[in-house]
N, C-alpha and C. Protein backbone atom coordinates (compact mmCIF):
# COMPACT_ATOMS: atom_id res chain seq x y z
N UNK A 1 0.85 -1.17 0.00
CA UNK A 1 0.00 0.00 0.00
C UNK A 1 0.89 1.23 0.00
N UNK A 2 0.47 2.26 -0.71
CA UNK A 2 1.23 3.51 -0.72
C UNK A 2 0.99 4.25 0.59
N UNK A 3 1.95 5.05 1.01
CA UNK A 3 1.78 5.81 2.24
C UNK A 3 0.70 6.87 2.05
N UNK A 4 -0.02 7.14 3.12
CA UNK A 4 -1.14 8.06 3.08
C UNK A 4 -0.92 9.23 4.02
N UNK A 5 -1.54 10.34 3.69
CA UNK A 5 -1.54 11.50 4.57
C UNK A 5 -2.88 11.55 5.31
N UNK A 6 -2.93 12.35 6.34
CA UNK A 6 -4.19 12.51 7.07
C UNK A 6 -5.29 13.01 6.13
N UNK A 7 -4.94 13.92 5.23
CA UNK A 7 -5.93 14.46 4.28
C UNK A 7 -6.43 13.36 3.34
N UNK A 8 -5.51 12.50 2.83
CA UNK A 8 -5.92 11.37 1.99
C UNK A 8 -6.96 10.54 2.72
N UNK A 9 -6.67 10.25 3.98
CA UNK A 9 -7.54 9.38 4.77
C UNK A 9 -8.90 10.03 4.99
N UNK A 10 -8.92 11.28 5.43
CA UNK A 10 -10.18 11.94 5.76
C UNK A 10 -11.10 12.08 4.55
N UNK A 11 -10.55 12.27 3.37
CA UNK A 11 -11.40 12.46 2.18
C UNK A 11 -11.82 11.13 1.55
N UNK A 12 -11.35 10.00 2.09
CA UNK A 12 -11.64 8.70 1.47
C UNK A 12 -12.92 8.03 1.97
N UNK A 13 -13.50 8.50 3.07
CA UNK A 13 -14.61 7.78 3.69
C UNK A 13 -15.88 7.84 2.86
N UNK A 14 -16.50 6.67 2.69
CA UNK A 14 -17.68 6.55 1.84
C UNK A 14 -18.97 6.33 2.63
N UNK A 15 -18.85 6.04 3.93
CA UNK A 15 -20.06 5.72 4.69
C UNK A 15 -20.27 6.63 5.90
N UNK A 16 -19.75 7.84 5.80
CA UNK A 16 -20.04 8.84 6.83
C UNK A 16 -19.99 10.21 6.18
N UNK A 17 -20.54 11.19 6.85
CA UNK A 17 -20.56 12.55 6.31
C UNK A 17 -19.16 13.16 6.36
N UNK A 18 -18.98 14.26 5.62
CA UNK A 18 -17.69 14.95 5.64
C UNK A 18 -17.38 15.45 7.05
N UNK A 19 -18.40 15.89 7.77
CA UNK A 19 -18.20 16.35 9.14
C UNK A 19 -17.76 15.21 10.05
N UNK A 20 -18.38 14.04 9.89
CA UNK A 20 -17.98 12.87 10.68
C UNK A 20 -16.55 12.47 10.35
N UNK A 21 -16.21 12.48 9.06
CA UNK A 21 -14.86 12.11 8.64
C UNK A 21 -13.83 13.10 9.21
N UNK A 22 -14.21 14.35 9.29
CA UNK A 22 -13.30 15.37 9.83
C UNK A 22 -13.04 15.15 11.32
N UNK A 23 -14.02 14.59 12.03
CA UNK A 23 -13.88 14.38 13.48
C UNK A 23 -13.29 13.02 13.85
N UNK A 24 -13.14 12.10 12.89
CA UNK A 24 -12.61 10.77 13.18
C UNK A 24 -11.16 10.86 13.67
N UNK A 25 -10.83 9.97 14.58
CA UNK A 25 -9.44 9.86 15.01
C UNK A 25 -8.62 9.25 13.87
N UNK A 26 -7.48 9.85 13.59
CA UNK A 26 -6.54 9.33 12.59
C UNK A 26 -5.21 9.13 13.29
N UNK A 27 -4.55 7.98 13.09
CA UNK A 27 -3.26 7.74 13.76
C UNK A 27 -2.27 8.87 13.49
N UNK A 28 -1.49 9.20 14.49
CA UNK A 28 -0.51 10.29 14.37
C UNK A 28 0.84 9.79 13.85
N UNK A 29 1.03 8.47 13.81
CA UNK A 29 2.32 7.90 13.42
C UNK A 29 2.34 7.41 11.97
N UNK A 30 1.64 8.08 11.09
CA UNK A 30 1.54 7.63 9.70
C UNK A 30 2.91 7.47 9.04
N UNK A 31 3.86 8.34 9.36
CA UNK A 31 5.20 8.26 8.76
C UNK A 31 5.98 7.04 9.23
N UNK A 32 5.58 6.43 10.34
CA UNK A 32 6.31 5.30 10.92
C UNK A 32 5.70 3.94 10.57
N UNK A 33 4.60 3.92 9.85
CA UNK A 33 3.92 2.65 9.55
C UNK A 33 4.66 1.85 8.49
N UNK A 34 4.58 0.52 8.54
CA UNK A 34 5.25 -0.33 7.55
C UNK A 34 4.43 -0.45 6.26
N UNK A 35 4.33 0.63 5.51
CA UNK A 35 3.44 0.70 4.35
C UNK A 35 3.65 -0.44 3.36
N UNK A 36 4.89 -0.88 3.17
CA UNK A 36 5.15 -1.96 2.21
C UNK A 36 4.53 -3.29 2.65
N UNK A 37 4.25 -3.43 3.94
CA UNK A 37 3.66 -4.66 4.47
C UNK A 37 2.14 -4.55 4.67
N UNK A 38 1.55 -3.43 4.29
CA UNK A 38 0.11 -3.24 4.51
C UNK A 38 -0.68 -3.35 3.20
N UNK A 39 -1.76 -4.12 3.27
CA UNK A 39 -2.69 -4.19 2.15
C UNK A 39 -3.82 -3.19 2.36
N UNK A 40 -4.02 -2.83 3.62
CA UNK A 40 -4.97 -1.78 4.00
C UNK A 40 -4.51 -1.20 5.32
N UNK A 41 -4.95 0.01 5.60
CA UNK A 41 -4.66 0.64 6.88
C UNK A 41 -5.90 0.52 7.74
N UNK A 42 -5.75 -0.10 8.88
CA UNK A 42 -6.86 -0.23 9.81
C UNK A 42 -6.43 0.16 11.20
N UNK A 43 -7.32 0.82 11.94
CA UNK A 43 -6.99 1.23 13.30
C UNK A 43 -8.24 1.38 14.14
N UNK A 44 -8.02 1.27 15.45
CA UNK A 44 -9.09 1.48 16.43
C UNK A 44 -9.01 2.90 16.94
N UNK A 45 -10.14 3.43 17.30
CA UNK A 45 -10.22 4.77 17.88
C UNK A 45 -10.01 4.64 19.38
N UNK A 46 -8.88 5.15 19.93
CA UNK A 46 -8.63 4.99 21.36
C UNK A 46 -9.64 5.71 22.24
N UNK A 47 -10.34 6.71 21.71
CA UNK A 47 -11.32 7.44 22.48
C UNK A 47 -12.72 6.86 22.42
N UNK A 48 -12.93 5.91 21.53
CA UNK A 48 -14.24 5.28 21.36
C UNK A 48 -14.02 3.78 21.22
N UNK A 49 -14.17 3.02 22.30
CA UNK A 49 -13.81 1.60 22.28
C UNK A 49 -14.61 0.73 21.32
N UNK A 50 -15.66 1.27 20.72
CA UNK A 50 -16.47 0.47 19.79
C UNK A 50 -16.31 0.92 18.34
N UNK A 51 -15.28 1.70 18.04
CA UNK A 51 -15.11 2.22 16.68
C UNK A 51 -13.73 1.92 16.12
N UNK A 52 -13.73 1.61 14.83
CA UNK A 52 -12.50 1.39 14.07
C UNK A 52 -12.69 2.00 12.70
N UNK A 53 -11.59 2.16 11.99
CA UNK A 53 -11.64 2.65 10.62
C UNK A 53 -10.70 1.81 9.77
N UNK A 54 -11.00 1.79 8.49
CA UNK A 54 -10.23 1.01 7.54
C UNK A 54 -10.13 1.81 6.25
N UNK A 55 -8.94 1.89 5.66
CA UNK A 55 -8.74 2.61 4.40
C UNK A 55 -7.91 1.72 3.48
N UNK A 56 -8.33 1.63 2.21
CA UNK A 56 -7.62 0.81 1.23
C UNK A 56 -7.93 1.29 -0.18
N UNK A 57 -7.23 0.71 -1.14
CA UNK A 57 -7.54 0.95 -2.55
C UNK A 57 -8.66 -0.01 -2.95
N UNK A 58 -9.65 0.51 -3.64
CA UNK A 58 -10.77 -0.32 -4.11
C UNK A 58 -11.26 0.26 -5.42
N UNK A 59 -11.31 -0.57 -6.44
CA UNK A 59 -11.74 -0.12 -7.77
C UNK A 59 -10.98 1.12 -8.24
N UNK A 60 -9.67 1.13 -7.98
CA UNK A 60 -8.83 2.21 -8.47
C UNK A 60 -8.89 3.51 -7.68
N UNK A 61 -9.55 3.50 -6.53
CA UNK A 61 -9.60 4.72 -5.72
C UNK A 61 -9.42 4.39 -4.25
N UNK A 62 -9.03 5.38 -3.49
CA UNK A 62 -8.87 5.22 -2.06
C UNK A 62 -10.24 5.26 -1.40
N UNK A 63 -10.51 4.25 -0.56
CA UNK A 63 -11.82 4.13 0.08
C UNK A 63 -11.62 3.93 1.58
N UNK A 64 -12.32 4.72 2.36
CA UNK A 64 -12.31 4.57 3.81
C UNK A 64 -13.68 4.15 4.30
N UNK A 65 -13.70 3.30 5.33
CA UNK A 65 -14.95 2.81 5.89
C UNK A 65 -14.88 2.94 7.41
N UNK A 66 -15.90 3.57 7.98
CA UNK A 66 -16.03 3.65 9.43
C UNK A 66 -16.73 2.38 9.90
N UNK A 67 -16.17 1.76 10.93
CA UNK A 67 -16.69 0.49 11.45
C UNK A 67 -17.08 0.62 12.92
N UNK A 68 -18.02 -0.21 13.32
CA UNK A 68 -18.40 -0.32 14.73
C UNK A 68 -18.33 -1.78 15.11
N UNK A 69 -18.06 -2.03 16.39
CA UNK A 69 -18.06 -3.41 16.87
C UNK A 69 -18.39 -3.43 18.35
N UNK A 70 -18.82 -4.58 18.80
CA UNK A 70 -19.13 -4.78 20.21
C UNK A 70 -17.87 -5.27 20.91
N UNK A 71 -17.36 -4.51 21.89
CA UNK A 71 -16.17 -4.99 22.61
C UNK A 71 -16.43 -6.36 23.25
N UNK A 72 -15.37 -7.15 23.39
CA UNK A 72 -15.47 -8.51 23.92
C UNK A 72 -16.09 -8.53 25.31
N UNK A 73 -16.90 -9.53 25.56
CA UNK A 73 -17.51 -9.72 26.88
C UNK A 73 -16.61 -10.61 27.71
N UNK A 74 -16.51 -10.33 28.99
CA UNK A 74 -15.69 -11.14 29.89
C UNK A 74 -16.34 -12.49 30.18
N UNK A 75 -15.49 -13.46 30.45
CA UNK A 75 -15.97 -14.75 30.93
C UNK A 75 -16.34 -15.75 29.85
N UNK A 76 -16.37 -15.33 28.60
CA UNK A 76 -16.73 -16.25 27.53
C UNK A 76 -15.47 -16.57 26.73
N UNK A 77 -14.96 -17.77 26.89
CA UNK A 77 -13.72 -18.16 26.22
C UNK A 77 -14.01 -18.95 24.95
N UNK A 78 -13.47 -18.50 23.88
CA UNK A 78 -13.56 -19.22 22.62
C UNK A 78 -12.52 -18.66 21.66
N UNK A 79 -12.32 -19.34 20.58
CA UNK A 79 -11.42 -18.88 19.54
C UNK A 79 -12.28 -18.55 18.33
N UNK A 80 -11.85 -17.52 17.62
CA UNK A 80 -12.58 -17.10 16.44
C UNK A 80 -11.59 -16.88 15.30
N UNK A 81 -12.11 -16.93 14.08
CA UNK A 81 -11.27 -16.75 12.90
C UNK A 81 -11.71 -15.52 12.13
N UNK A 82 -10.75 -14.73 11.74
CA UNK A 82 -11.00 -13.54 10.92
C UNK A 82 -11.44 -13.99 9.52
N UNK A 83 -12.50 -13.38 9.01
CA UNK A 83 -12.98 -13.76 7.68
C UNK A 83 -12.16 -13.12 6.56
N UNK A 84 -11.27 -12.20 6.89
CA UNK A 84 -10.41 -11.60 5.86
C UNK A 84 -9.12 -12.39 5.69
N UNK A 85 -8.37 -12.56 6.80
CA UNK A 85 -7.04 -13.18 6.69
C UNK A 85 -6.97 -14.61 7.21
N UNK A 86 -8.05 -15.10 7.79
CA UNK A 86 -8.15 -16.47 8.31
C UNK A 86 -7.20 -16.74 9.48
N UNK A 87 -6.86 -15.70 10.23
CA UNK A 87 -6.07 -15.86 11.45
C UNK A 87 -7.03 -16.16 12.60
N UNK A 88 -6.67 -17.11 13.46
CA UNK A 88 -7.50 -17.40 14.63
C UNK A 88 -6.94 -16.66 15.84
N UNK A 89 -7.85 -16.24 16.70
CA UNK A 89 -7.50 -15.49 17.90
C UNK A 89 -8.30 -16.02 19.08
N UNK A 90 -7.76 -15.85 20.29
CA UNK A 90 -8.57 -16.14 21.47
C UNK A 90 -9.61 -15.03 21.64
N UNK A 91 -10.47 -15.18 22.64
CA UNK A 91 -11.55 -14.24 22.90
C UNK A 91 -11.11 -12.79 22.74
N UNK A 92 -11.89 -12.04 22.02
CA UNK A 92 -11.62 -10.62 21.84
C UNK A 92 -10.72 -10.29 20.66
N UNK A 93 -10.06 -11.27 20.09
CA UNK A 93 -9.15 -11.01 18.98
C UNK A 93 -9.84 -10.88 17.64
N UNK A 94 -11.09 -11.36 17.57
CA UNK A 94 -11.90 -11.22 16.36
C UNK A 94 -13.23 -10.62 16.79
N UNK A 95 -13.70 -9.64 16.04
CA UNK A 95 -14.98 -8.99 16.35
C UNK A 95 -15.82 -8.88 15.10
N UNK A 96 -17.13 -8.87 15.31
CA UNK A 96 -18.04 -8.60 14.20
C UNK A 96 -18.00 -7.09 13.97
N UNK A 97 -17.39 -6.70 12.86
CA UNK A 97 -17.29 -5.29 12.49
C UNK A 97 -18.45 -4.98 11.56
N UNK A 98 -19.17 -3.94 11.88
CA UNK A 98 -20.29 -3.54 11.04
C UNK A 98 -20.01 -2.17 10.45
N UNK A 99 -20.46 -2.00 9.24
CA UNK A 99 -20.29 -0.73 8.54
C UNK A 99 -21.64 -0.29 7.98
N UNK A 100 -21.93 0.97 8.17
CA UNK A 100 -23.12 1.53 7.54
C UNK A 100 -22.88 1.50 6.04
N UNK A 101 -23.88 1.12 5.26
CA UNK A 101 -23.73 1.09 3.82
C UNK A 101 -23.58 2.51 3.28
N UNK A 102 -22.95 2.63 2.14
CA UNK A 102 -22.76 3.92 1.50
C UNK A 102 -24.07 4.39 0.87
N UNK A 103 -24.24 5.69 0.76
CA UNK A 103 -25.37 6.26 0.05
C UNK A 103 -26.69 6.18 0.79
N UNK A 104 -27.79 6.19 0.02
CA UNK A 104 -29.13 6.21 0.62
C UNK A 104 -29.41 5.01 1.53
N UNK A 105 -28.89 3.84 1.18
CA UNK A 105 -29.13 2.66 2.01
C UNK A 105 -28.55 2.85 3.41
N UNK A 106 -27.37 3.45 3.48
CA UNK A 106 -26.75 3.72 4.78
C UNK A 106 -27.50 4.78 5.55
N UNK A 107 -27.98 5.80 4.85
CA UNK A 107 -28.76 6.84 5.52
C UNK A 107 -30.07 6.27 6.06
N UNK A 108 -30.54 5.17 5.46
CA UNK A 108 -31.74 4.48 5.94
C UNK A 108 -31.42 3.52 7.08
N UNK A 109 -30.15 3.42 7.45
CA UNK A 109 -29.76 2.58 8.59
C UNK A 109 -29.30 1.19 8.24
N UNK A 110 -29.13 0.88 6.96
CA UNK A 110 -28.69 -0.45 6.55
C UNK A 110 -27.19 -0.62 6.77
N UNK A 111 -26.81 -1.77 7.29
CA UNK A 111 -25.42 -2.07 7.58
C UNK A 111 -25.03 -3.44 7.03
N UNK A 112 -23.73 -3.66 6.93
CA UNK A 112 -23.19 -4.98 6.59
C UNK A 112 -22.09 -5.27 7.60
N UNK A 113 -21.77 -6.54 7.77
CA UNK A 113 -20.75 -6.89 8.75
C UNK A 113 -19.90 -8.05 8.31
N UNK A 114 -18.76 -8.17 8.97
CA UNK A 114 -17.84 -9.29 8.75
C UNK A 114 -17.02 -9.46 10.01
N UNK A 115 -16.62 -10.70 10.29
CA UNK A 115 -15.73 -10.97 11.42
C UNK A 115 -14.31 -10.65 10.99
N UNK A 116 -13.67 -9.73 11.72
CA UNK A 116 -12.32 -9.28 11.39
C UNK A 116 -11.45 -9.27 12.63
N UNK A 117 -10.14 -9.32 12.42
CA UNK A 117 -9.20 -9.14 13.52
C UNK A 117 -9.54 -7.81 14.19
N UNK A 118 -9.73 -7.82 15.49
CA UNK A 118 -10.14 -6.62 16.21
C UNK A 118 -9.14 -5.48 16.04
N UNK A 119 -7.86 -5.81 15.93
CA UNK A 119 -6.84 -4.77 15.76
C UNK A 119 -6.62 -4.40 14.28
N UNK A 120 -7.33 -5.05 13.38
CA UNK A 120 -7.24 -4.80 11.93
C UNK A 120 -5.81 -4.92 11.40
N UNK A 121 -5.03 -5.82 11.97
CA UNK A 121 -3.64 -6.02 11.54
C UNK A 121 -3.51 -7.24 10.63
N UNK A 122 -4.53 -7.54 9.86
CA UNK A 122 -4.55 -8.72 8.99
C UNK A 122 -3.30 -8.82 8.11
N UNK A 123 -2.90 -7.71 7.51
CA UNK A 123 -1.73 -7.71 6.62
C UNK A 123 -0.49 -8.22 7.33
N UNK A 124 -0.33 -7.82 8.59
CA UNK A 124 0.86 -8.22 9.35
C UNK A 124 0.77 -9.67 9.80
N UNK A 125 -0.44 -10.16 10.12
CA UNK A 125 -0.61 -11.56 10.49
C UNK A 125 -0.30 -12.47 9.31
N UNK A 126 -0.79 -12.12 8.13
CA UNK A 126 -0.56 -12.94 6.94
C UNK A 126 0.93 -13.05 6.64
N UNK A 127 1.65 -11.95 6.81
CA UNK A 127 3.08 -11.92 6.51
C UNK A 127 3.96 -12.44 7.64
N UNK A 128 3.35 -12.80 8.77
CA UNK A 128 4.12 -13.29 9.91
C UNK A 128 4.85 -12.19 10.65
N UNK A 129 4.51 -10.94 10.42
CA UNK A 129 5.15 -9.80 11.09
C UNK A 129 4.55 -9.57 12.47
N UNK A 130 3.38 -10.15 12.70
CA UNK A 130 2.70 -10.04 13.99
C UNK A 130 2.06 -11.39 14.27
N UNK A 131 2.06 -11.79 15.53
CA UNK A 131 1.44 -13.06 15.90
C UNK A 131 0.29 -12.78 16.86
N UNK A 132 -0.76 -13.59 16.79
CA UNK A 132 -1.89 -13.40 17.71
C UNK A 132 -1.47 -13.62 19.16
N UNK A 133 -2.34 -13.21 20.06
CA UNK A 133 -2.08 -13.33 21.50
C UNK A 133 -1.77 -14.77 21.89
N UNK A 134 -1.04 -14.91 22.98
CA UNK A 134 -0.70 -16.22 23.51
C UNK A 134 -1.96 -17.04 23.74
N UNK A 135 -1.86 -18.32 23.47
CA UNK A 135 -3.01 -19.21 23.68
C UNK A 135 -3.83 -19.43 22.43
N UNK A 136 -3.51 -18.72 21.36
CA UNK A 136 -4.28 -18.93 20.14
C UNK A 136 -3.55 -19.94 19.25
N UNK A 137 -4.26 -20.41 18.26
CA UNK A 137 -3.67 -21.36 17.32
C UNK A 137 -2.82 -20.64 16.29
N UNK A 138 -2.83 -19.33 16.32
CA UNK A 138 -2.12 -18.50 15.36
C UNK A 138 -2.67 -18.72 13.96
N UNK A 139 -1.79 -18.77 13.00
CA UNK A 139 -2.24 -18.98 11.63
C UNK A 139 -2.17 -20.45 11.31
N UNK A 140 -3.17 -20.91 10.63
CA UNK A 140 -3.21 -22.30 10.19
C UNK A 140 -2.18 -22.48 9.08
N UNK A 141 -1.43 -23.57 9.15
CA UNK A 141 -0.46 -23.84 8.10
C UNK A 141 -1.21 -24.10 6.80
N UNK A 142 -0.78 -23.42 5.75
CA UNK A 142 -1.48 -23.51 4.47
C UNK A 142 -0.53 -23.92 3.36
N UNK A 143 -1.10 -24.46 2.30
CA UNK A 143 -0.30 -24.80 1.14
C UNK A 143 -0.22 -23.63 0.15
N UNK A 144 -1.00 -22.58 0.38
CA UNK A 144 -0.95 -21.41 -0.49
C UNK A 144 0.36 -20.65 -0.26
N UNK A 145 0.86 -20.03 -1.31
CA UNK A 145 2.04 -19.18 -1.17
C UNK A 145 1.63 -17.90 -0.44
N UNK A 146 2.63 -17.16 0.03
CA UNK A 146 2.34 -15.89 0.69
C UNK A 146 1.58 -14.96 -0.26
N UNK A 147 1.97 -14.90 -1.49
CA UNK A 147 1.30 -14.04 -2.47
C UNK A 147 -0.17 -14.45 -2.64
N UNK A 148 -0.44 -15.74 -2.65
CA UNK A 148 -1.82 -16.22 -2.77
C UNK A 148 -2.63 -15.89 -1.51
N UNK A 149 -2.01 -15.97 -0.35
CA UNK A 149 -2.69 -15.62 0.89
C UNK A 149 -3.00 -14.11 0.93
N UNK A 150 -2.07 -13.31 0.47
CA UNK A 150 -2.28 -11.86 0.40
C UNK A 150 -3.42 -11.56 -0.57
N UNK A 151 -3.41 -12.23 -1.73
CA UNK A 151 -4.48 -12.02 -2.72
C UNK A 151 -5.83 -12.44 -2.16
N UNK A 152 -5.87 -13.54 -1.41
CA UNK A 152 -7.13 -14.00 -0.81
C UNK A 152 -7.64 -12.97 0.20
N UNK A 153 -6.74 -12.47 1.04
CA UNK A 153 -7.13 -11.46 2.03
C UNK A 153 -7.67 -10.21 1.34
N UNK A 154 -6.97 -9.76 0.31
CA UNK A 154 -7.43 -8.59 -0.45
C UNK A 154 -8.77 -8.85 -1.12
N UNK A 155 -8.95 -10.05 -1.64
CA UNK A 155 -10.23 -10.42 -2.27
C UNK A 155 -11.37 -10.44 -1.26
N UNK A 156 -11.08 -10.97 -0.06
CA UNK A 156 -12.11 -10.99 0.99
C UNK A 156 -12.48 -9.57 1.42
N UNK A 157 -11.48 -8.69 1.51
CA UNK A 157 -11.76 -7.30 1.86
C UNK A 157 -12.55 -6.62 0.74
N UNK A 158 -12.19 -6.89 -0.50
CA UNK A 158 -12.92 -6.30 -1.64
C UNK A 158 -14.39 -6.75 -1.65
N UNK A 159 -14.62 -8.01 -1.30
CA UNK A 159 -16.00 -8.51 -1.25
C UNK A 159 -16.80 -7.77 -0.17
N UNK A 160 -16.16 -7.53 0.98
CA UNK A 160 -16.82 -6.76 2.04
C UNK A 160 -17.11 -5.34 1.58
N UNK A 161 -16.13 -4.70 0.96
CA UNK A 161 -16.33 -3.32 0.48
C UNK A 161 -17.41 -3.25 -0.59
N UNK A 162 -17.51 -4.28 -1.41
CA UNK A 162 -18.59 -4.33 -2.40
C UNK A 162 -19.95 -4.34 -1.73
N UNK A 163 -20.07 -4.99 -0.59
CA UNK A 163 -21.33 -4.98 0.16
C UNK A 163 -21.60 -3.63 0.78
N UNK A 164 -20.54 -2.94 1.21
CA UNK A 164 -20.71 -1.60 1.78
C UNK A 164 -21.23 -0.67 0.69
N UNK A 165 -20.68 -0.78 -0.51
CA UNK A 165 -21.16 0.02 -1.63
C UNK A 165 -22.58 -0.36 -2.01
N UNK A 166 -22.90 -1.67 -1.87
CA UNK A 166 -24.23 -2.20 -2.12
C UNK A 166 -24.78 -1.82 -3.43
């Protein structure tokens, strides 16, 4: 992924108003991110525990999506798998991320969702640059090459974005 500026990010959102996009938290360490290892930029809002954002290239343009999720509940132990990168995590490592649809459907309250790594670090998990929390199965050993796994993750994300566009 090419490196992005705060302005690039703020103008890319398709499922919130310009005012909402202007008020969204954007990471301050953009210059320090491993852009060559990212297929998309995803982050959680430290001031709002139920909000995340994701920005990527889609259909030849930069697209940002505001996401919401339910923080993990205590006491319920299980493992879940991200539907984008297929990494498994212990409780809280995967969340159902929902996005308001773009356009009139979103203004009518329609949403779509997918189970994603809660930290949105799918690109780093696929490349082995980050490992899930202790106690998880980590990544399942696959016969696909790294390039094929990256393509699958990007394809899964594109399918989700296609639903957001609706």
